[in-house]
PDB file of N, CA and C in Angstrom:
ATOM      1  N   MET A   1     -37.596  62.776  26.998  1.00  0.00           N
ATOM      2  CA  MET A   1     -38.673  61.887  25.938  1.00  0.00           C
ATOM      3  C   MET A   1     -37.526  61.197  25.355  1.00  0.00           C
ATOM      4  N   GLY A   2     -37.884  59.741  25.972  1.00  0.00           N
ATOM      5  CA  GLY A   2     -37.053  58.944  25.132  1.00  0.00           C
ATOM      6  C   GLY A   2     -37.531  58.073  24.153  1.00  0.00           C
ATOM      7  N   TYR A   3     -36.959  57.447  23.407  1.00  0.00           N
ATOM      8  CA  TYR A   3     -37.379  56.477  22.598  1.00  0.00           C
ATOM      9  C   TYR A   3     -37.618  55.041  23.229  1.00  0.00           C
ATOM     10  N   ASP A   4     -38.861  54.411  23.084  1.00  0.00           N
ATOM     11  CA  ASP A   4     -39.551  53.435  23.553  1.00  0.00           C
ATOM     12  C   ASP A   4     -39.209  52.305  22.678  1.00  0.00           C
ATOM     13  N   ALA A   5     -38.384  51.618  22.789  1.00  0.00           N
ATOM     14  CA  ALA A   5     -37.950  50.210  22.024  1.00  0.00           C
ATOM     15  C   ALA A   5     -39.197  49.185  21.944  1.00  0.00           C
ATOM     16  N   THR A   6     -39.626  49.106  23.105  1.00  0.00           N
ATOM     17  CA  THR A   6     -40.705  48.175  23.141  1.00  0.00           C
ATOM     18  C   THR A   6     -42.062  48.414  22.077  1.00  0.00           C
ATOM     19  N   LEU A   7     -42.232  49.548  22.105  1.00  0.00           N
ATOM     20  CA  LEU A   7     -43.287  49.847  21.175  1.00  0.00           C
ATOM     21  C   LEU A   7     -42.844  49.438  19.551  1.00  0.00           C
ATOM     22  N   SER A   8     -41.724  49.863  19.236  1.00  0.00           N
ATOM     23  CA  SER A   8     -41.249  49.456  17.972  1.00  0.00           C
ATOM     24  C   SER A   8     -41.598  48.236  17.641  1.00  0.00           C
ATOM     25  N   LEU A   9     -41.017  47.236  18.845  1.00  0.00           N
ATOM     26  CA  LEU A   9     -41.414  45.803  18.331  1.00  0.00           C
ATOM     27  C   LEU A   9     -42.360  45.360  18.115  1.00  0.00           C
ATOM     28  N   ALA A  10     -43.237  45.866  18.782  1.00  0.00           N
ATOM     29  CA  ALA A  10     -44.878  45.458  18.503  1.00  0.00           C
ATOM     30  C   ALA A  10     -45.233  45.677  17.184  1.00  0.00           C
ATOM     31  N   VAL A  11     -44.792  46.633  16.149  1.00  0.00           N
ATOM     32  CA  VAL A  11     -45.130  46.865  14.929  1.00  0.00           C
ATOM     33  C   VAL A  11     -44.279  46.283  13.991  1.00  0.00           C
ATOM     34  N   SER A  12     -43.020  45.577  14.180  1.00  0.00           N
ATOM     35  CA  SER A  12     -42.129  45.278  13.280  1.00  0.00           C
ATOM     36  C   SER A  12     -42.256  43.863  12.689  1.00  0.00           C
ATOM     37  N   ALA A  13     -43.364  43.297  13.068  1.00  0.00           N
ATOM     38  CA  ALA A  13     -43.633  41.822  12.723  1.00  0.00           C
ATOM     39  C   ALA A  13     -44.873  41.876  12.343  1.00  0.00           C
ATOM     40  N   PRO A  14     -45.265  42.337  11.061  1.00  0.00           N
ATOM     41  CA  PRO A  14     -46.883  42.118  10.785  1.00  0.00           C
ATOM     42  C   PRO A  14     -46.979  40.661  10.424  1.00  0.00           C
ATOM     43  N   ALA A  15     -48.595  40.595  10.737  1.00  0.00           N
ATOM     44  CA  ALA A  15     -48.918  39.361  10.335  1.00  0.00           C
ATOM     45  C   ALA A  15     -48.748  38.600   8.919  1.00  0.00           C
ATOM     46  N   LEU A  16     -48.393  37.373   9.008  1.00  0.00           N
ATOM     47  CA  LEU A  16     -47.946  36.870   7.540  1.00  0.00           C
ATOM     48  C   LEU A  16     -49.129  36.331   6.588  1.00  0.00           C
ATOM     49  N   HIS A  17     -50.273  36.143   7.342  1.00  0.00           N
ATOM     50  CA  HIS A  17     -51.306  35.329   6.562  1.00  0.00           C
ATOM     51  C   HIS A  17     -52.556  36.372   6.701  1.00  0.00           C
ATOM     52  N   GLN A  18     -52.251  37.487   6.045  1.00  0.00           N
ATOM     53  CA  GLN A  18     -53.449  38.363   5.948  1.00  0.00           C
ATOM     54  C   GLN A  18     -54.176  38.396   4.853  1.00  0.00           C
ATOM     55  N   VAL A  19     -54.749  37.123   4.851  1.00  0.00           N
ATOM     56  CA  VAL A  19     -55.621  36.815   3.317  1.00  0.00           C
ATOM     57  C   VAL A  19     -57.265  37.190   3.506  1.00  0.00           C
ATOM     58  N   PRO A  20     -57.611  37.834   2.506  1.00  0.00           N
ATOM     59  CA  PRO A  20     -58.909  38.204   2.617  1.00  0.00           C
ATOM     60  C   PRO A  20     -59.705  36.946   1.865  1.00  0.00           C
ATOM     61  N   THR A  21     -60.094  36.364   2.679  1.00  0.00           N
ATOM     62  CA  THR A  21     -61.144  35.131   2.097  1.00  0.00           C
ATOM     63  C   THR A  21     -62.579  35.453   2.686  1.00  0.00           C
ATOM     64  N   THR A  22     -62.922  36.268   2.080  1.00  0.00           N
ATOM     65  CA  THR A  22     -64.588  36.521   2.733  1.00  0.00           C
ATOM     66  C   THR A  22     -65.455  35.710   1.702  1.00  0.00           C
ATOM     67  N   LEU A  23     -65.714  34.657   2.281  1.00  0.00           N
ATOM     68  CA  LEU A  23     -66.563  33.942   1.170  1.00  0.00           C
ATOM     69  C   LEU A  23     -67.971  33.868   1.905  1.00  0.00           C
ATOM     70  N   PRO A  24     -69.230  33.947   0.972  1.00  0.00           N
ATOM     71  CA  PRO A  24     -70.362  33.777   1.620  1.00  0.00           C
ATOM     72  C   PRO A  24     -70.964  32.875   2.572  1.00  0.00           C
ATOM     73  N   LYS A  25     -71.976  32.932   3.313  1.00  0.00           N
ATOM     74  CA  LYS A  25     -72.067  31.724   4.035  1.00  0.00           C
ATOM     75  C   LYS A  25     -72.700  30.351   3.075  1.00  0.00           C
ATOM     76  N   THR A  26     -73.066  30.991   1.987  1.00  0.00           N
ATOM     77  CA  THR A  26     -73.606  29.738   1.065  1.00  0.00           C
ATOM     78  C   THR A  26     -72.374  28.919   0.139  1.00  0.00           C
ATOM     79  N   ALA A  27     -71.107  29.596   0.511  1.00  0.00           N
ATOM     80  CA  ALA A  27     -69.960  29.087  -0.131  1.00  0.00           C
ATOM     81  C   ALA A  27     -70.073  27.527  -0.006  1.00  0.00           C
ATOM     82  N   THR A  28     -69.513  26.928  -1.439  1.00  0.00           N
ATOM     83  CA  THR A  28     -69.622  25.382  -1.452  1.00  0.00           C
ATOM     84  C   THR A  28     -68.546  24.760  -0.714  1.00  0.00           C
ATOM     85  N   ARG A  29     -68.132  23.627  -0.256  1.00  0.00           N
ATOM     86  CA  ARG A  29     -67.142  22.939   0.077  1.00  0.00           C
ATOM     87  C   ARG A  29     -65.952  23.066  -0.792  1.00  0.00           C
ATOM     88  N   GLU A  30     -66.217  23.244  -1.997  1.00  0.00           N
ATOM     89  CA  GLU A  30     -64.825  23.340  -3.020  1.00  0.00           C
ATOM     90  C   GLU A  30     -64.343  24.843  -2.975  1.00  0.00           C
ATOM     91  N   GLU A  31     -65.349  25.778  -2.865  1.00  0.00           N
ATOM     92  CA  GLU A  31     -64.813  27.005  -2.471  1.00  0.00           C
ATOM     93  C   GLU A  31     -64.162  27.451  -1.466  1.00  0.00           C
ATOM     94  N   LYS A  32     -64.404  26.633  -0.233  1.00  0.00           N
ATOM     95  CA  LYS A  32     -63.807  27.007   1.154  1.00  0.00           C
ATOM     96  C   LYS A  32     -62.729  26.154   1.054  1.00  0.00           C
ATOM     97  N   ALA A  33     -62.329  25.007   0.449  1.00  0.00           N
ATOM     98  CA  ALA A  33     -61.151  24.412   0.238  1.00  0.00           C
ATOM     99  C   ALA A  33     -60.454  25.120  -0.683  1.00  0.00           C
ATOM    100  N   ARG A  34     -60.563  25.837  -1.652  1.00  0.00           N
ATOM    101  CA  ARG A  34     -59.875  26.632  -2.652  1.00  0.00           C
ATOM    102  C   ARG A  34     -59.192  27.783  -1.683  1.00  0.00           C
ATOM    103  N   ALA A  35     -60.268  28.525  -0.996  1.00  0.00           N
ATOM    104  CA  ALA A  35     -59.567  29.499  -0.079  1.00  0.00           C
ATOM    105  C   ALA A  35     -58.662  29.309   0.819  1.00  0.00           C
ATOM    106  N   GLN A  36     -58.850  27.724   1.392  1.00  0.00           N
ATOM    107  CA  GLN A  36     -58.049  27.491   2.749  1.00  0.00           C
ATOM    108  C   GLN A  36     -56.564  27.220   1.897  1.00  0.00           C
ATOM    109  N   ALA A  37     -56.591  26.364   0.732  1.00  0.00           N
ATOM    110  CA  ALA A  37     -55.350  26.184  -0.105  1.00  0.00           C
ATOM    111  C   ALA A  37     -54.660  27.280  -0.505  1.00  0.00           C
ATOM    112  N   THR A  38     -55.135  28.483  -0.760  1.00  0.00           N
ATOM    113  CA  THR A  38     -54.460  29.713  -1.601  1.00  0.00           C
ATOM    114  C   THR A  38     -54.023  30.423  -0.230  1.00  0.00           C
ATOM    115  N   GLU A  39     -54.719  30.342   1.072  1.00  0.00           N
ATOM    116  CA  GLU A  39     -54.251  30.952   2.052  1.00  0.00           C
ATOM    117  C   GLU A  39     -53.059  30.314   2.612  1.00  0.00           C
ATOM    118  N   PHE A  40     -53.126  29.054   2.453  1.00  0.00           N
ATOM    119  CA  PHE A  40     -51.905  28.194   3.066  1.00  0.00           C
ATOM    120  C   PHE A  40     -50.463  28.584   2.149  1.00  0.00           C
ATOM    121  N   GLU A  41     -50.986  28.344   0.815  1.00  0.00           N
ATOM    122  CA  GLU A  41     -49.747  28.732  -0.114  1.00  0.00           C
ATOM    123  C   GLU A  41     -49.030  30.385   0.078  1.00  0.00           C
ATOM    124  N   GLN A  42     -50.141  31.176   0.017  1.00  0.00           N
ATOM    125  CA  GLN A  42     -49.737  32.595   0.711  1.00  0.00           C
ATOM    126  C   GLN A  42     -48.714  32.580   1.812  1.00  0.00           C
ATOM    127  N   VAL A  43     -49.046  31.716   3.004  1.00  0.00           N
ATOM    128  CA  VAL A  43     -48.564  31.705   4.072  1.00  0.00           C
ATOM    129  C   VAL A  43     -47.039  31.253   3.799  1.00  0.00           C
ATOM    130  N   TYR A  44     -46.949  29.950   3.159  1.00  0.00           N
ATOM    131  CA  TYR A  44     -45.553  29.433   2.765  1.00  0.00           C
ATOM    132  C   TYR A  44     -44.874  30.380   1.922  1.00  0.00           C
ATOM    133  N   LEU A  45     -45.498  31.014   0.838  1.00  0.00           N
ATOM    134  CA  LEU A  45     -44.624  31.706   0.272  1.00  0.00           C
ATOM    135  C   LEU A  45     -44.039  33.106   0.785  1.00  0.00           C
ATOM    136  N   ALA A  46     -44.685  33.711   1.977  1.00  0.00           N
ATOM    137  CA  ALA A  46     -44.304  34.695   2.607  1.00  0.00           C
ATOM    138  C   ALA A  46     -43.321  34.211   3.480  1.00  0.00           C
ATOM    139  N   THR A  47     -43.394  32.982   4.131  1.00  0.00           N
ATOM    140  CA  THR A  47     -42.237  32.469   5.255  1.00  0.00           C
ATOM    141  C   THR A  47     -41.242  32.231   4.107  1.00  0.00           C
ATOM    142  N   MET A  48     -41.160  31.954   2.855  1.00  0.00           N
ATOM    143  CA  MET A  48     -39.976  31.427   2.150  1.00  0.00           C
ATOM    144  C   MET A  48     -39.390  32.726   1.912  1.00  0.00           C
ATOM    145  N   LEU A  49     -40.002  33.819   1.286  1.00  0.00           N
ATOM    146  CA  LEU A  49     -39.592  35.143   1.032  1.00  0.00           C
ATOM    147  C   LEU A  49     -38.786  35.784   1.939  1.00  0.00           C
ATOM    148  N   LYS A  50     -39.618  35.610   3.126  1.00  0.00           N
ATOM    149  CA  LYS A  50     -39.324  36.384   4.419  1.00  0.00           C
ATOM    150  C   LYS A  50     -37.513  35.694   4.747  1.00  0.00           C
ATOM    151  N   GLN A  51     -37.221  34.766   4.653  1.00  0.00           N
ATOM    152  CA  GLN A  51     -35.968  34.015   4.467  1.00  0.00           C
ATOM    153  C   GLN A  51     -35.178  34.561   3.580  1.00  0.00           C
ATOM    154  N   MET A  52     -35.497  34.524   2.473  1.00  0.00           N
ATOM    155  CA  MET A  52     -34.659  34.883   1.213  1.00  0.00           C
ATOM    156  C   MET A  52     -34.440  36.389   1.516  1.00  0.00           C
ATOM    157  N   PHE A  53     -35.086  37.531   1.793  1.00  0.00           N
ATOM    158  CA  PHE A  53     -35.119  38.820   2.328  1.00  0.00           C
ATOM    159  C   PHE A  53     -34.126  38.864   3.299  1.00  0.00           C
ATOM    160  N   ALA A  54     -34.212  38.162   4.562  1.00  0.00           N
ATOM    161  CA  ALA A  54     -33.469  38.294   5.612  1.00  0.00           C
ATOM    162  C   ALA A  54     -31.961  38.574   5.611  1.00  0.00           C
ATOM    163  N   GLY A  55     -31.244  37.884   4.511  1.00  0.00           N
ATOM    164  CA  GLY A  55     -29.631  38.041   4.338  1.00  0.00           C
ATOM    165  C   GLY A  55     -29.579  39.465   3.447  1.00  0.00           C
ATOM    166  N   LEU A  56     -30.528  39.990   2.912  1.00  0.00           N
ATOM    167  CA  LEU A  56     -30.121  41.237   2.339  1.00  0.00           C
ATOM    168  C   LEU A  56     -29.664  42.381   3.049  1.00  0.00           C
ATOM    169  N   SER A  57     -28.709  43.230   2.514  1.00  0.00           N
ATOM    170  CA  SER A  57     -28.354  44.256   3.475  1.00  0.00           C
ATOM    171  C   SER A  57     -29.166  45.502   2.903  1.00  0.00           C
ATOM    172  N   THR A  58     -29.590  46.199   4.273  1.00  0.00           N
ATOM    173  CA  THR A  58     -30.465  47.478   4.247  1.00  0.00           C
ATOM    174  C   THR A  58     -29.638  48.590   4.266  1.00  0.00           C
ATOM    175  N   GLU A  59     -28.399  48.672   3.948  1.00  0.00           N
ATOM    176  CA  GLU A  59     -27.655  49.781   3.997  1.00  0.00           C
ATOM    177  C   GLU A  59     -28.225  51.148   3.104  1.00  0.00           C
ATOM    178  N   ALA A  60     -27.974  50.838   1.691  1.00  0.00           N
ATOM    179  CA  ALA A  60     -28.112  51.630   0.708  1.00  0.00           C
ATOM    180  C   ALA A  60     -29.434  51.116   0.161  1.00  0.00           C
ATOM    181  N   PRO A  61     -29.978  52.075  -0.898  1.00  0.00           N
ATOM    182  CA  PRO A  61     -30.141  53.871  -0.636  1.00  0.00           C
ATOM    183  C   PRO A  61     -30.760  54.359   0.307  1.00  0.00           C
ATOM    184  N   PHE A  62     -31.566  53.686   1.403  1.00  0.00           N
ATOM    185  CA  PHE A  62     -32.416  53.907   1.954  1.00  0.00           C
ATOM    186  C   PHE A  62     -31.974  54.150   3.726  1.00  0.00           C
ATOM    187  N   GLY A  63     -30.889  53.180   4.026  1.00  0.00           N
ATOM    188  CA  GLY A  63     -30.239  53.543   5.003  1.00  0.00           C
ATOM    189  C   GLY A  63     -30.500  52.471   6.020  1.00  0.00           C
ATOM    190  N   GLY A  64     -31.660  51.618   6.110  1.00  0.00           N
ATOM    191  CA  GLY A  64     -32.046  50.434   6.963  1.00  0.00           C
ATOM    192  C   GLY A  64     -32.870  51.001   7.956  1.00  0.00           C
ATOM    193  N   GLY A  65     -32.726  50.473   8.972  1.00  0.00           N
ATOM    194  CA  GLY A  65     -33.498  50.998  10.300  1.00  0.00           C
ATOM    195  C   GLY A  65     -34.456  50.457  10.288  1.00  0.00           C
ATOM    196  N   GLN A  66     -35.038  50.656  11.857  1.00  0.00           N
ATOM    197  CA  GLN A  66     -36.273  49.724  12.238  1.00  0.00           C
ATOM    198  C   GLN A  66     -37.529  50.011  11.027  1.00  0.00           C
ATOM    199  N   ALA A  67     -37.983  51.214  10.507  1.00  0.00           N
ATOM    200  CA  ALA A  67     -38.911  51.431   9.581  1.00  0.00           C
ATOM    201  C   ALA A  67     -38.651  50.348   8.307  1.00  0.00           C
ATOM    202  N   GLU A  68     -37.221  50.499   7.937  1.00  0.00           N
ATOM    203  CA  GLU A  68     -37.324  49.509   6.654  1.00  0.00           C
ATOM    204  C   GLU A  68     -37.418  47.993   6.780  1.00  0.00           C
ATOM    205  N   GLU A  69     -37.447  47.609   8.090  1.00  0.00           N
ATOM    206  CA  GLU A  69     -37.642  46.263   8.643  1.00  0.00           C
ATOM    207  C   GLU A  69     -39.073  46.289   8.578  1.00  0.00           C
ATOM    208  N   THR A  70     -39.765  46.934   9.329  1.00  0.00           N
ATOM    209  CA  THR A  70     -41.078  47.022   8.913  1.00  0.00           C
ATOM    210  C   THR A  70     -41.898  46.799   7.923  1.00  0.00           C
ATOM    211  N   TRP A  71     -41.650  48.003   6.951  1.00  0.00           N
ATOM    212  CA  TRP A  71     -41.974  47.727   5.493  1.00  0.00           C
ATOM    213  C   TRP A  71     -41.827  46.647   4.625  1.00  0.00           C
ATOM    214  N   ARG A  72     -40.330  45.900   5.034  1.00  0.00           N
ATOM    215  CA  ARG A  72     -39.829  44.936   4.487  1.00  0.00           C
ATOM    216  C   ARG A  72     -40.772  43.708   4.581  1.00  0.00           C
ATOM    217  N   GLY A  73     -41.341  43.392   5.655  1.00  0.00           N
ATOM    218  CA  GLY A  73     -42.302  42.547   6.023  1.00  0.00           C
ATOM    219  C   GLY A  73     -43.616  42.612   5.310  1.00  0.00           C
ATOM    220  N   MET A  74     -44.191  43.857   5.266  1.00  0.00           N
ATOM    221  CA  MET A  74     -45.444  43.981   4.472  1.00  0.00           C
ATOM    222  C   MET A  74     -45.233  43.967   3.063  1.00  0.00           C
ATOM    223  N   LEU A  75     -43.863  44.151   2.359  1.00  0.00           N
ATOM    224  CA  LEU A  75     -43.835  44.013   0.987  1.00  0.00           C
ATOM    225  C   LEU A  75     -43.748  42.577   0.858  1.00  0.00           C
ATOM    226  N   VAL A  76     -42.691  41.834   1.562  1.00  0.00           N
ATOM    227  CA  VAL A  76     -42.647  40.471   1.352  1.00  0.00           C
ATOM    228  C   VAL A  76     -44.370  40.008   1.384  1.00  0.00           C
ATOM    229  N   ASP A  77     -45.267  40.043   2.393  1.00  0.00           N
ATOM    230  CA  ASP A  77     -46.667  39.672   2.359  1.00  0.00           C
ATOM    231  C   ASP A  77     -47.140  39.795   0.874  1.00  0.00           C
ATOM    232  N   GLN A  78     -46.921  41.396   0.318  1.00  0.00           N
ATOM    233  CA  GLN A  78     -47.703  41.507  -0.862  1.00  0.00           C
ATOM    234  C   GLN A  78     -47.104  40.829  -1.932  1.00  0.00           C
ATOM    235  N   TYR A  79     -45.720  40.515  -2.219  1.00  0.00           N
ATOM    236  CA  TYR A  79     -45.087  39.665  -2.996  1.00  0.00           C
ATOM    237  C   TYR A  79     -45.927  38.050  -3.043  1.00  0.00           C
ATOM    238  N   ALA A  80     -46.021  37.631  -1.896  1.00  0.00           N
ATOM    239  CA  ALA A  80     -46.655  36.382  -1.580  1.00  0.00           C
ATOM    240  C   ALA A  80     -48.115  36.493  -2.092  1.00  0.00           C
ATOM    241  N   GLN A  81     -48.725  37.552  -1.668  1.00  0.00           N
ATOM    242  CA  GLN A  81     -49.881  37.348  -2.329  1.00  0.00           C
ATOM    243  C   GLN A  81     -50.280  37.541  -3.742  1.00  0.00           C
ATOM    244  N   THR A  82     -49.491  38.291  -4.403  1.00  0.00           N
ATOM    245  CA  THR A  82     -49.471  38.461  -5.995  1.00  0.00           C
ATOM    246  C   THR A  82     -48.837  37.453  -6.459  1.00  0.00           C
ATOM    247  N   ILE A  83     -47.785  36.791  -5.925  1.00  0.00           N
ATOM    248  CA  ILE A  83     -47.565  35.302  -6.586  1.00  0.00           C
ATOM    249  C   ILE A  83     -48.680  34.349  -6.338  1.00  0.00           C
ATOM    250  N   SER A  84     -49.315  34.263  -5.499  1.00  0.00           N
ATOM    251  CA  SER A  84     -50.269  33.191  -5.344  1.00  0.00           C
ATOM    252  C   SER A  84     -51.477  33.539  -6.389  1.00  0.00           C
ATOM    253  N   LYS A  85     -51.651  34.968  -6.245  1.00  0.00           N
ATOM    254  CA  LYS A  85     -52.885  35.199  -7.292  1.00  0.00           C
ATOM    255  C   LYS A  85     -52.933  34.954  -8.669  1.00  0.00           C
ATOM    256  N   ALA A  86     -51.256  35.021  -9.182  1.00  0.00           N
ATOM    257  CA  ALA A  86     -50.803  34.973 -10.352  1.00  0.00           C
ATOM    258  C   ALA A  86     -50.693  33.329 -10.728  1.00  0.00           C
ATOM    259  N   GLY A  87     -51.544  32.628  -9.837  1.00  0.00           N
ATOM    260  CA  GLY A  87     -51.112  31.138 -10.301  1.00  0.00           C
ATOM    261  C   GLY A  87     -50.232  30.278  -9.335  1.00  0.00           C
ATOM    262  N   GLY A  88     -49.473  31.140  -8.387  1.00  0.00           N
ATOM    263  CA  GLY A  88     -48.880  30.373  -7.478  1.00  0.00           C
ATOM    264  C   GLY A  88     -47.582  29.510  -7.683  1.00  0.00           C
ATOM    265  N   VAL A  89     -47.361  28.477  -6.973  1.00  0.00           N
ATOM    266  CA  VAL A  89     -46.250  27.404  -7.364  1.00  0.00           C
ATOM    267  C   VAL A  89     -46.753  26.275  -7.244  1.00  0.00           C
ATOM    268  N   GLY A  90     -48.020  26.186  -7.355  1.00  0.00           N
ATOM    269  CA  GLY A  90     -48.611  24.648  -7.539  1.00  0.00           C
ATOM    270  C   GLY A  90     -48.785  24.318  -5.852  1.00  0.00           C
ATOM    271  N   ILE A  91     -48.590  24.817  -4.863  1.00  0.00           N
ATOM    272  CA  ILE A  91     -48.854  24.168  -3.292  1.00  0.00           C
ATOM    273  C   ILE A  91     -50.252  24.262  -3.316  1.00  0.00           C
ATOM    274  N   ALA A  92     -51.045  25.458  -3.691  1.00  0.00           N
ATOM    275  CA  ALA A  92     -52.331  25.750  -3.519  1.00  0.00           C
ATOM    276  C   ALA A  92     -53.261  24.330  -4.129  1.00  0.00           C
ATOM    277  N   ASP A  93     -52.671  23.952  -5.599  1.00  0.00           N
ATOM    278  CA  ASP A  93     -53.470  23.104  -6.188  1.00  0.00           C
ATOM    279  C   ASP A  93     -53.506  21.456  -5.377  1.00  0.00           C
ATOM    280  N   SER A  94     -52.508  21.357  -4.959  1.00  0.00           N
ATOM    281  CA  SER A  94     -52.007  20.199  -4.147  1.00  0.00           C
ATOM    282  C   SER A  94     -52.929  20.024  -2.816  1.00  0.00           C
ATOM    283  N   VAL A  95     -52.794  21.069  -2.154  1.00  0.00           N
ATOM    284  CA  VAL A  95     -53.337  21.276  -0.846  1.00  0.00           C
ATOM    285  C   VAL A  95     -55.035  21.194  -1.319  1.00  0.00           C
ATOM    286  N   TYR A  96     -55.612  21.812  -2.111  1.00  0.00           N
ATOM    287  CA  TYR A  96     -56.919  21.798  -2.355  1.00  0.00           C
ATOM    288  C   TYR A  96     -57.141  20.315  -2.642  1.00  0.00           C
ATOM    289  N   ARG A  97     -56.541  19.550  -3.549  1.00  0.00           N
ATOM    290  CA  ARG A  97     -56.997  18.173  -3.963  1.00  0.00           C
ATOM    291  C   ARG A  97     -56.885  17.285  -2.614  1.00  0.00           C
ATOM    292  N   ASP A  98     -55.718  17.653  -1.968  1.00  0.00           N
ATOM    293  CA  ASP A  98     -55.928  16.831  -0.537  1.00  0.00           C
ATOM    294  C   ASP A  98     -56.876  17.044   0.332  1.00  0.00           C
ATOM    295  N   LEU A  99     -57.324  18.447   0.759  1.00  0.00           N
ATOM    296  CA  LEU A  99     -58.438  18.459   1.396  1.00  0.00           C
ATOM    297  C   LEU A  99     -59.853  18.099   0.762  1.00  0.00           C
ATOM    298  N   LEU A 100     -59.876  18.052  -0.412  1.00  0.00           N
ATOM    299  CA  LEU A 100     -61.149  17.516  -0.897  1.00  0.00           C
ATOM    300  C   LEU A 100     -60.971  16.035  -0.578  1.00  0.00           C
ATOM    301  N   GLY A 101     -59.781  15.448  -0.813  1.00  0.00           N
ATOM    302  CA  GLY A 101     -59.731  13.811  -0.649  1.00  0.00           C
ATOM    303  C   GLY A 101     -60.284  13.857   1.075  1.00  0.00           C
ATOM    304  N   VAL A 102     -59.425  14.531   1.815  1.00  0.00           N
ATOM    305  CA  VAL A 102     -59.834  14.258   3.039  1.00  0.00           C
ATOM    306  C   VAL A 102     -61.537  14.591   3.485  1.00  0.00           C
ATOM    307  N   GLN A 103     -62.235  15.304   2.959  1.00  0.00           N
ATOM    308  CA  GLN A 103     -63.473  15.617   3.119  1.00  0.00           C
ATOM    309  C   GLN A 103     -64.312  14.524   2.611  1.00  0.00           C
ATOM    310  N   GLU A 104     -63.873  13.669   1.314  1.00  0.00           N
ATOM    311  CA  GLU A 104     -64.485  12.609   0.979  1.00  0.00           C
ATOM    312  C   GLU A 104     -64.319  11.716   1.758  1.00  0.00           C
ATOM    313  N   GLY A 105     -63.084  11.262   2.221  1.00  0.00           N
ATOM    314  CA  GLY A 105     -63.024  10.142   3.007  1.00  0.00           C
ATOM    315  C   GLY A 105     -63.530  10.404   4.365  1.00  0.00           C
ATOM    316  N   ALA A 106     -63.809  11.484   4.832  1.00  0.00           N
ATOM    317  CA  ALA A 106     -64.387  11.733   6.183  1.00  0.00           C
ATOM    318  C   ALA A 106     -65.861  11.103   5.893  1.00  0.00           C
ATOM    319  N   ARG A 107     -66.324  11.569   4.798  1.00  0.00           N
ATOM    320  CA  ARG A 107     -67.971  11.155   4.307  1.00  0.00           C
ATOM    321  C   ARG A 107     -68.173   9.924   4.390  1.00  0.00           C
ATOM    322  N   ALA A 108     -67.308   9.221   3.880  1.00  0.00           N
ATOM    323  CA  ALA A 108     -67.128   7.515   3.605  1.00  0.00           C
ATOM    324  C   ALA A 108     -67.761   6.767   5.007  1.00  0.00           C
TER     325      ALA A 108
END
């Protein structure tokens, strides 16, 4: 019985944009645009944070390894979600305005 490295690679990179955007079918275009803008900001923040954490040593206190790499990705996703829910860094607001502007332009 050996260790299968290909199996561990499949779970080492969790999805970055697991944003629960469960909107009702009757959601307005503004609500849909806000959800998409928030999702975009979360993906951006997760990508940025992943790069920031990539250079950190994983030796102490837990010893690093494959499991720590997997959990770190999930932790980064949660950081991005928390930052975005707390008001974010302003990206969602800008994207929201642009999405509404594009929608208005399409209607004209």
